[in-house]
Amino acid sequence: MRTKHLDCDCGCADHIIRFIYDDEDGDLWLEVQLTKTHGFFKRIWLAIKYIFGYNCRYGHWDCTLIKPEDKQALIDLIKESIRC
């Protein structure tokens, strides 16, 4: 198995994605680092919403801007996974 970490162009540690390529099976996995909730009162507010059963219908999303120098490595990894 090989891994490739891609950091966001903005430099934020919360915007990391990881590709995992399984050489044996040819599977390509994508893992996304979800952002943390900052601040004590924000966490309390989310806990209260959780207790009363609130669920966001869209889930938890963030974005990662792939740096230009990482684009070719990502393309090569995807092409290799397609060949299997």
PDB file of N, CA and C in Angstrom:
ATOM      1  N   MET A   1       0.845  -1.189   0.000  1.00  0.00           N
ATOM      2  CA  MET A   1       0.000   0.000   0.000  1.00  0.00           C
ATOM      3  C   MET A   1       0.884   1.244   0.000  1.00  0.00           C
ATOM      4  N   ARG A   2       0.446   2.207  -0.782  1.00  0.00           N
ATOM      5  CA  ARG A   2       1.138   3.498  -0.818  1.00  0.00           C
ATOM      6  C   ARG A   2       0.158   4.597  -0.445  1.00  0.00           C
ATOM      7  N   THR A   3       0.649   5.625   0.195  1.00  0.00           N
ATOM      8  CA  THR A   3      -0.201   6.750   0.564  1.00  0.00           C
ATOM      9  C   THR A   3       0.372   8.040  -0.007  1.00  0.00           C
ATOM     10  N   LYS A   4      -0.529   8.954  -0.276  1.00  0.00           N
ATOM     11  CA  LYS A   4      -0.153  10.290  -0.747  1.00  0.00           C
ATOM     12  C   LYS A   4      -1.007  11.290   0.017  1.00  0.00           C
ATOM     13  N   HIS A   5      -0.362  12.139   0.798  1.00  0.00           N
ATOM     14  CA  HIS A   5      -1.054  13.197   1.530  1.00  0.00           C
ATOM     15  C   HIS A   5      -1.007  14.475   0.709  1.00  0.00           C
ATOM     16  N   LEU A   6      -2.131  15.159   0.627  1.00  0.00           N
ATOM     17  CA  LEU A   6      -2.182  16.438  -0.067  1.00  0.00           C
ATOM     18  C   LEU A   6      -2.652  17.494   0.914  1.00  0.00           C
ATOM     19  N   ASP A   7      -1.804  18.496   1.100  1.00  0.00           N
ATOM     20  CA  ASP A   7      -2.152  19.626   1.945  1.00  0.00           C
ATOM     21  C   ASP A   7      -2.819  20.695   1.097  1.00  0.00           C
ATOM     22  N   CYS A   8      -3.704  21.439   1.714  1.00  0.00           N
ATOM     23  CA  CYS A   8      -4.382  22.529   1.027  1.00  0.00           C
ATOM     24  C   CYS A   8      -3.387  23.637   0.702  1.00  0.00           C
ATOM     25  N   ASP A   9      -3.640  24.333  -0.363  1.00  0.00           N
ATOM     26  CA  ASP A   9      -2.789  25.446  -0.768  1.00  0.00           C
ATOM     27  C   ASP A   9      -2.800  26.570   0.262  1.00  0.00           C
ATOM     28  N   CYS A  10      -3.863  26.646   1.068  1.00  0.00           N
ATOM     29  CA  CYS A  10      -3.938  27.701   2.080  1.00  0.00           C
ATOM     30  C   CYS A  10      -3.031  27.404   3.271  1.00  0.00           C
ATOM     31  N   GLY A  11      -2.569  26.153   3.409  1.00  0.00           N
ATOM     32  CA  GLY A  11      -1.659  25.797   4.489  1.00  0.00           C
ATOM     33  C   GLY A  11      -2.343  25.370   5.775  1.00  0.00           C
ATOM     34  N   CYS A  12      -3.654  25.356   5.805  1.00  0.00           N
ATOM     35  CA  CYS A  12      -4.392  24.984   7.011  1.00  0.00           C
ATOM     36  C   CYS A  12      -4.275  23.476   7.248  1.00  0.00           C
ATOM     37  N   ALA A  13      -3.927  23.078   8.468  1.00  0.00           N
ATOM     38  CA  ALA A  13      -3.764  21.666   8.795  1.00  0.00           C
ATOM     39  C   ALA A  13      -5.087  20.921   8.792  1.00  0.00           C
ATOM     40  N   ASP A  14      -6.216  21.634   8.837  1.00  0.00           N
ATOM     41  CA  ASP A  14      -7.527  20.987   8.812  1.00  0.00           C
ATOM     42  C   ASP A  14      -7.959  20.577   7.406  1.00  0.00           C
ATOM     43  N   HIS A  15      -7.232  20.998   6.393  1.00  0.00           N
ATOM     44  CA  HIS A  15      -7.614  20.733   5.001  1.00  0.00           C
ATOM     45  C   HIS A  15      -6.666  19.718   4.374  1.00  0.00           C
ATOM     46  N   ILE A  16      -6.604  18.524   4.919  1.00  0.00           N
ATOM     47  CA  ILE A  16      -5.705  17.489   4.421  1.00  0.00           C
ATOM     48  C   ILE A  16      -6.544  16.347   3.848  1.00  0.00           C
ATOM     49  N   ILE A  17      -6.133  15.862   2.674  1.00  0.00           N
ATOM     50  CA  ILE A  17      -6.749  14.659   2.136  1.00  0.00           C
ATOM     51  C   ILE A  17      -5.648  13.627   1.926  1.00  0.00           C
ATOM     52  N   ARG A  18      -6.025  12.368   2.017  1.00  0.00           N
ATOM     53  CA  ARG A  18      -5.048  11.300   1.869  1.00  0.00           C
ATOM     54  C   ARG A  18      -5.593  10.273   0.883  1.00  0.00           C
ATOM     55  N   PHE A  19      -4.773   9.927  -0.087  1.00  0.00           N
ATOM     56  CA  PHE A  19      -5.088   8.874  -1.033  1.00  0.00           C
ATOM     57  C   PHE A  19      -4.288   7.637  -0.643  1.00  0.00           C
ATOM     58  N   ILE A  20      -4.954   6.504  -0.629  1.00  0.00           N
ATOM     59  CA  ILE A  20      -4.300   5.239  -0.297  1.00  0.00           C
ATOM     60  C   ILE A  20      -4.486   4.319  -1.497  1.00  0.00           C
ATOM     61  N   TYR A  21      -3.381   3.870  -2.057  1.00  0.00           N
ATOM     62  CA  TYR A  21      -3.433   2.983  -3.221  1.00  0.00           C
ATOM     63  C   TYR A  21      -2.955   1.604  -2.808  1.00  0.00           C
ATOM     64  N   ASP A  22      -3.802   0.608  -3.018  1.00  0.00           N
ATOM     65  CA  ASP A  22      -3.475  -0.773  -2.708  1.00  0.00           C
ATOM     66  C   ASP A  22      -2.918  -1.421  -3.966  1.00  0.00           C
ATOM     67  N   ASP A  23      -1.597  -1.656  -3.989  1.00  0.00           N
ATOM     68  CA  ASP A  23      -0.937  -2.240  -5.160  1.00  0.00           C
ATOM     69  C   ASP A  23      -1.476  -3.625  -5.488  1.00  0.00           C
ATOM     70  N   GLU A  24      -1.868  -4.364  -4.468  1.00  0.00           N
ATOM     71  CA  GLU A  24      -2.316  -5.739  -4.663  1.00  0.00           C
ATOM     72  C   GLU A  24      -3.694  -5.810  -5.322  1.00  0.00           C
ATOM     73  N   ASP A  25      -4.642  -5.029  -4.819  1.00  0.00           N
ATOM     74  CA  ASP A  25      -6.015  -5.068  -5.337  1.00  0.00           C
ATOM     75  C   ASP A  25      -6.301  -3.998  -6.383  1.00  0.00           C
ATOM     76  N   GLY A  26      -5.461  -2.976  -6.455  1.00  0.00           N
ATOM     77  CA  GLY A  26      -5.705  -1.867  -7.367  1.00  0.00           C
ATOM     78  C   GLY A  26      -6.754  -0.887  -6.864  1.00  0.00           C
ATOM     79  N   ASP A  27      -7.105  -0.976  -5.572  1.00  0.00           N
ATOM     80  CA  ASP A  27      -8.095  -0.069  -4.990  1.00  0.00           C
ATOM     81  C   ASP A  27      -7.452   1.272  -4.657  1.00  0.00           C
ATOM     82  N   LEU A  28      -8.188   2.332  -4.886  1.00  0.00           N
ATOM     83  CA  LEU A  28      -7.744   3.673  -4.546  1.00  0.00           C
ATOM     84  C   LEU A  28      -8.746   4.264  -3.559  1.00  0.00           C
ATOM     85  N   TRP A  29      -8.291   4.559  -2.350  1.00  0.00           N
ATOM     86  CA  TRP A  29      -9.131   5.093  -1.282  1.00  0.00           C
ATOM     87  C   TRP A  29      -8.838   6.562  -1.083  1.00  0.00           C
ATOM     88  N   LEU A  30      -9.850   7.291  -0.668  1.00  0.00           N
ATOM     89  CA  LEU A  30      -9.726   8.714  -0.368  1.00  0.00           C
ATOM     90  C   LEU A  30     -10.209   8.940   1.056  1.00  0.00           C
ATOM     91  N   GLU A  31      -9.368   9.567   1.874  1.00  0.00           N
ATOM     92  CA  GLU A  31      -9.749   9.928   3.233  1.00  0.00           C
ATOM     93  C   GLU A  31      -9.694  11.444   3.349  1.00  0.00           C
ATOM     94  N   VAL A  32     -10.692  11.997   4.016  1.00  0.00           N
ATOM     95  CA  VAL A  32     -10.791  13.445   4.166  1.00  0.00           C
ATOM     96  C   VAL A  32     -10.678  13.796   5.637  1.00  0.00           C
ATOM     97  N   GLN A  33      -9.842  14.763   5.941  1.00  0.00           N
ATOM     98  CA  GLN A  33      -9.713  15.259   7.307  1.00  0.00           C
ATOM     99  C   GLN A  33     -10.832  16.252   7.557  1.00  0.00           C
ATOM    100  N   LEU A  34     -11.741  15.932   8.478  1.00  0.00           N
ATOM    101  CA  LEU A  34     -12.823  16.852   8.801  1.00  0.00           C
ATOM    102  C   LEU A  34     -12.315  17.921   9.749  1.00  0.00           C
ATOM    103  N   THR A  35     -12.865  19.099   9.639  1.00  0.00           N
ATOM    104  CA  THR A  35     -12.428  20.198  10.489  1.00  0.00           C
ATOM    105  C   THR A  35     -12.940  20.005  11.900  1.00  0.00           C
ATOM    106  N   LYS A  36     -12.204  20.549  12.832  1.00  0.00           N
ATOM    107  CA  LYS A  36     -12.596  20.493  14.229  1.00  0.00           C
ATOM    108  C   LYS A  36     -13.507  21.671  14.551  1.00  0.00           C
ATOM    109  N   THR A  37     -14.361  21.486  15.543  1.00  0.00           N
ATOM    110  CA  THR A  37     -15.194  22.581  16.005  1.00  0.00           C
ATOM    111  C   THR A  37     -14.398  23.367  17.034  1.00  0.00           C
ATOM    112  N   HIS A  38     -14.237  24.629  16.802  1.00  0.00           N
ATOM    113  CA  HIS A  38     -13.418  25.449  17.685  1.00  0.00           C
ATOM    114  C   HIS A  38     -14.286  26.201  18.691  1.00  0.00           C
ATOM    115  N   GLY A  39     -13.772  26.360  19.853  1.00  0.00           N
ATOM    116  CA  GLY A  39     -14.428  27.179  20.861  1.00  0.00           C
ATOM    117  C   GLY A  39     -15.354  26.401  21.780  1.00  0.00           C
ATOM    118  N   PHE A  40     -15.275  26.720  23.037  1.00  0.00           N
ATOM    119  CA  PHE A  40     -16.049  26.045  24.067  1.00  0.00           C
ATOM    120  C   PHE A  40     -17.549  26.223  23.862  1.00  0.00           C
ATOM    121  N   PHE A  41     -18.005  27.463  23.629  1.00  0.00           N
ATOM    122  CA  PHE A  41     -19.436  27.719  23.502  1.00  0.00           C
ATOM    123  C   PHE A  41     -20.025  27.091  22.242  1.00  0.00           C
ATOM    124  N   LYS A  42     -19.257  27.037  21.180  1.00  0.00           N
ATOM    125  CA  LYS A  42     -19.710  26.371  19.957  1.00  0.00           C
ATOM    126  C   LYS A  42     -19.915  24.877  20.217  1.00  0.00           C
ATOM    127  N   ARG A  43     -19.006  24.274  20.981  1.00  0.00           N
ATOM    128  CA  ARG A  43     -19.143  22.861  21.314  1.00  0.00           C
ATOM    129  C   ARG A  43     -20.371  22.614  22.185  1.00  0.00           C
ATOM    130  N   ILE A  44     -20.641  23.514  23.119  1.00  0.00           N
ATOM    131  CA  ILE A  44     -21.832  23.399  23.962  1.00  0.00           C
ATOM    132  C   ILE A  44     -23.088  23.476  23.094  1.00  0.00           C
ATOM    133  N   TRP A  45     -23.113  24.434  22.169  1.00  0.00           N
ATOM    134  CA  TRP A  45     -24.259  24.607  21.274  1.00  0.00           C
ATOM    135  C   TRP A  45     -24.496  23.347  20.438  1.00  0.00           C
ATOM    136  N   LEU A  46     -23.425  22.766  19.893  1.00  0.00           N
ATOM    137  CA  LEU A  46     -23.558  21.547  19.105  1.00  0.00           C
ATOM    138  C   LEU A  46     -24.022  20.378  19.969  1.00  0.00           C
ATOM    139  N   ALA A  47     -23.556  20.313  21.213  1.00  0.00           N
ATOM    140  CA  ALA A  47     -23.995  19.247  22.127  1.00  0.00           C
ATOM    141  C   ALA A  47     -25.493  19.360  22.412  1.00  0.00           C
ATOM    142  N   ILE A  48     -25.974  20.565  22.615  1.00  0.00           N
ATOM    143  CA  ILE A  48     -27.406  20.774  22.862  1.00  0.00           C
ATOM    144  C   ILE A  48     -28.218  20.338  21.647  1.00  0.00           C
ATOM    145  N   LYS A  49     -27.774  20.730  20.451  1.00  0.00           N
ATOM    146  CA  LYS A  49     -28.468  20.316  19.241  1.00  0.00           C
ATOM    147  C   LYS A  49     -28.454  18.793  19.089  1.00  0.00           C
ATOM    148  N   TYR A  50     -27.327  18.168  19.440  1.00  0.00           N
ATOM    149  CA  TYR A  50     -27.217  16.716  19.355  1.00  0.00           C
ATOM    150  C   TYR A  50     -28.192  16.028  20.314  1.00  0.00           C
ATOM    151  N   ILE A  51     -28.283  16.544  21.538  1.00  0.00           N
ATOM    152  CA  ILE A  51     -29.180  15.971  22.542  1.00  0.00           C
ATOM    153  C   ILE A  51     -30.622  15.980  22.052  1.00  0.00           C
ATOM    154  N   PHE A  52     -31.007  17.041  21.351  1.00  0.00           N
ATOM    155  CA  PHE A  52     -32.376  17.147  20.851  1.00  0.00           C
ATOM    156  C   PHE A  52     -32.567  16.528  19.468  1.00  0.00           C
ATOM    157  N   GLY A  53     -31.544  15.800  18.986  1.00  0.00           N
ATOM    158  CA  GLY A  53     -31.695  15.010  17.772  1.00  0.00           C
ATOM    159  C   GLY A  53     -31.482  15.741  16.466  1.00  0.00           C
ATOM    160  N   TYR A  54     -30.870  16.923  16.470  1.00  0.00           N
ATOM    161  CA  TYR A  54     -30.644  17.648  15.221  1.00  0.00           C
ATOM    162  C   TYR A  54     -29.552  16.961  14.403  1.00  0.00           C
ATOM    163  N   ASN A  55     -29.824  16.749  13.141  1.00  0.00           N
ATOM    164  CA  ASN A  55     -28.839  16.226  12.192  1.00  0.00           C
ATOM    165  C   ASN A  55     -28.839  17.109  10.963  1.00  0.00           C
ATOM    166  N   CYS A  56     -27.670  17.515  10.546  1.00  0.00           N
ATOM    167  CA  CYS A  56     -27.558  18.272   9.308  1.00  0.00           C
ATOM    168  C   CYS A  56     -27.745  17.303   8.147  1.00  0.00           C
ATOM    169  N   ARG A  57     -28.650  17.616   7.238  1.00  0.00           N
ATOM    170  CA  ARG A  57     -28.922  16.692   6.136  1.00  0.00           C
ATOM    171  C   ARG A  57     -27.789  16.645   5.122  1.00  0.00           C
ATOM    172  N   TYR A  58     -26.886  17.596   5.180  1.00  0.00           N
ATOM    173  CA  TYR A  58     -25.776  17.643   4.225  1.00  0.00           C
ATOM    174  C   TYR A  58     -24.504  17.003   4.758  1.00  0.00           C
ATOM    175  N   GLY A  59     -24.441  16.652   6.042  1.00  0.00           N
ATOM    176  CA  GLY A  59     -23.234  16.071   6.621  1.00  0.00           C
ATOM    177  C   GLY A  59     -22.194  17.138   6.911  1.00  0.00           C
ATOM    178  N   HIS A  60     -20.977  16.692   7.143  1.00  0.00           N
ATOM    179  CA  HIS A  60     -19.875  17.601   7.457  1.00  0.00           C
ATOM    180  C   HIS A  60     -18.943  17.664   6.251  1.00  0.00           C
ATOM    181  N   TRP A  61     -18.825  18.845   5.683  1.00  0.00           N
ATOM    182  CA  TRP A  61     -18.012  19.023   4.482  1.00  0.00           C
ATOM    183  C   TRP A  61     -17.005  20.145   4.680  1.00  0.00           C
ATOM    184  N   ASP A  62     -15.907  20.032   3.989  1.00  0.00           N
ATOM    185  CA  ASP A  62     -14.918  21.090   3.902  1.00  0.00           C
ATOM    186  C   ASP A  62     -14.266  20.936   2.541  1.00  0.00           C
ATOM    187  N   CYS A  63     -13.307  21.752   2.241  1.00  0.00           N
ATOM    188  CA  CYS A  63     -12.670  21.648   0.933  1.00  0.00           C
ATOM    189  C   CYS A  63     -11.156  21.675   1.078  1.00  0.00           C
ATOM    190  N   THR A  64     -10.497  21.143   0.070  1.00  0.00           N
ATOM    191  CA  THR A  64      -9.043  21.162  -0.008  1.00  0.00           C
ATOM    192  C   THR A  64      -8.669  21.612  -1.407  1.00  0.00           C
ATOM    193  N   LEU A  65      -7.842  22.629  -1.501  1.00  0.00           N
ATOM    194  CA  LEU A  65      -7.352  23.120  -2.780  1.00  0.00           C
ATOM    195  C   LEU A  65      -6.012  22.449  -3.048  1.00  0.00           C
ATOM    196  N   ILE A  66      -5.948  21.620  -4.076  1.00  0.00           N
ATOM    197  CA  ILE A  66      -4.728  20.877  -4.375  1.00  0.00           C
ATOM    198  C   ILE A  66      -3.689  21.822  -4.956  1.00  0.00           C
ATOM    199  N   LYS A  67      -2.490  21.762  -4.375  1.00  0.00           N
ATOM    200  CA  LYS A  67      -1.392  22.625  -4.816  1.00  0.00           C
ATOM    201  C   LYS A  67      -0.947  22.215  -6.214  1.00  0.00           C
ATOM    202  N   PRO A  68      -0.509  23.172  -7.012  1.00  0.00           N
ATOM    203  CA  PRO A  68      -0.093  22.856  -8.390  1.00  0.00           C
ATOM    204  C   PRO A  68       0.978  21.770  -8.458  1.00  0.00           C
ATOM    205  N   GLU A  69       1.906  21.771  -7.518  1.00  0.00           N
ATOM    206  CA  GLU A  69       2.981  20.777  -7.561  1.00  0.00           C
ATOM    207  C   GLU A  69       2.496  19.368  -7.197  1.00  0.00           C
ATOM    208  N   ASP A  70       1.314  19.245  -6.602  1.00  0.00           N
ATOM    209  CA  ASP A  70       0.758  17.937  -6.250  1.00  0.00           C
ATOM    210  C   ASP A  70      -0.170  17.381  -7.327  1.00  0.00           C
ATOM    211  N   LYS A  71      -0.572  18.187  -8.272  1.00  0.00           N
ATOM    212  CA  LYS A  71      -1.552  17.751  -9.265  1.00  0.00           C
ATOM    213  C   LYS A  71      -1.044  16.609 -10.131  1.00  0.00           C
ATOM    214  N   GLN A  72       0.178  16.685 -10.593  1.00  0.00           N
ATOM    215  CA  GLN A  72       0.701  15.628 -11.464  1.00  0.00           C
ATOM    216  C   GLN A  72       0.850  14.322 -10.699  1.00  0.00           C
ATOM    217  N   ALA A  73       1.282  14.374  -9.448  1.00  0.00           N
ATOM    218  CA  ALA A  73       1.404  13.155  -8.642  1.00  0.00           C
ATOM    219  C   ALA A  73       0.041  12.502  -8.451  1.00  0.00           C
ATOM    220  N   LEU A  74      -0.993  13.305  -8.258  1.00  0.00           N
ATOM    221  CA  LEU A  74      -2.341  12.782  -8.106  1.00  0.00           C
ATOM    222  C   LEU A  74      -2.834  12.160  -9.418  1.00  0.00           C
ATOM    223  N   ILE A  75      -2.576  12.814 -10.524  1.00  0.00           N
ATOM    224  CA  ILE A  75      -2.960  12.280 -11.832  1.00  0.00           C
ATOM    225  C   ILE A  75      -2.266  10.942 -12.086  1.00  0.00           C
ATOM    226  N   ASP A  76      -0.969  10.856 -11.761  1.00  0.00           N
ATOM    227  CA  ASP A  76      -0.223   9.614 -11.952  1.00  0.00           C
ATOM    228  C   ASP A  76      -0.793   8.487 -11.088  1.00  0.00           C
ATOM    229  N   LEU A  77      -1.170   8.805  -9.858  1.00  0.00           N
ATOM    230  CA  LEU A  77      -1.732   7.810  -8.957  1.00  0.00           C
ATOM    231  C   LEU A  77      -3.079   7.289  -9.474  1.00  0.00           C
ATOM    232  N   ILE A  78      -3.907   8.178  -9.982  1.00  0.00           N
ATOM    233  CA  ILE A  78      -5.202   7.776 -10.522  1.00  0.00           C
ATOM    234  C   ILE A  78      -5.011   6.934 -11.785  1.00  0.00           C
ATOM    235  N   LYS A  79      -4.103   7.364 -12.660  1.00  0.00           N
ATOM    236  CA  LYS A  79      -3.849   6.590 -13.881  1.00  0.00           C
ATOM    237  C   LYS A  79      -3.369   5.186 -13.554  1.00  0.00           C
ATOM    238  N   GLU A  80      -2.512   5.061 -12.557  1.00  0.00           N
ATOM    239  CA  GLU A  80      -2.006   3.761 -12.171  1.00  0.00           C
ATOM    240  C   GLU A  80      -3.113   2.875 -11.617  1.00  0.00           C
ATOM    241  N   SER A  81      -4.035   3.455 -10.878  1.00  0.00           N
ATOM    242  CA  SER A  81      -5.141   2.662 -10.319  1.00  0.00           C
ATOM    243  C   SER A  81      -6.117   2.221 -11.415  1.00  0.00           C
ATOM    244  N   ILE A  82      -6.213   2.975 -12.503  1.00  0.00           N
ATOM    245  CA  ILE A  82      -7.099   2.619 -13.610  1.00  0.00           C
ATOM    246  C   ILE A  82      -6.527   1.439 -14.396  1.00  0.00           C
ATOM    247  N   ARG A  83      -5.220   1.358 -14.503  1.00  0.00           N
ATOM    248  CA  ARG A  83      -4.584   0.285 -15.271  1.00  0.00           C
ATOM    249  C   ARG A  83      -4.828  -1.095 -14.693  1.00  0.00           C
ATOM    250  N   CYS A  84      -5.111  -1.177 -13.415  1.00  0.00           N
ATOM    251  CA  CYS A  84      -5.293  -2.499 -12.759  1.00  0.00           C
ATOM    252  C   CYS A  84      -6.628  -3.109 -13.072  1.00  0.00           C
TER     253      CYS A  84
END
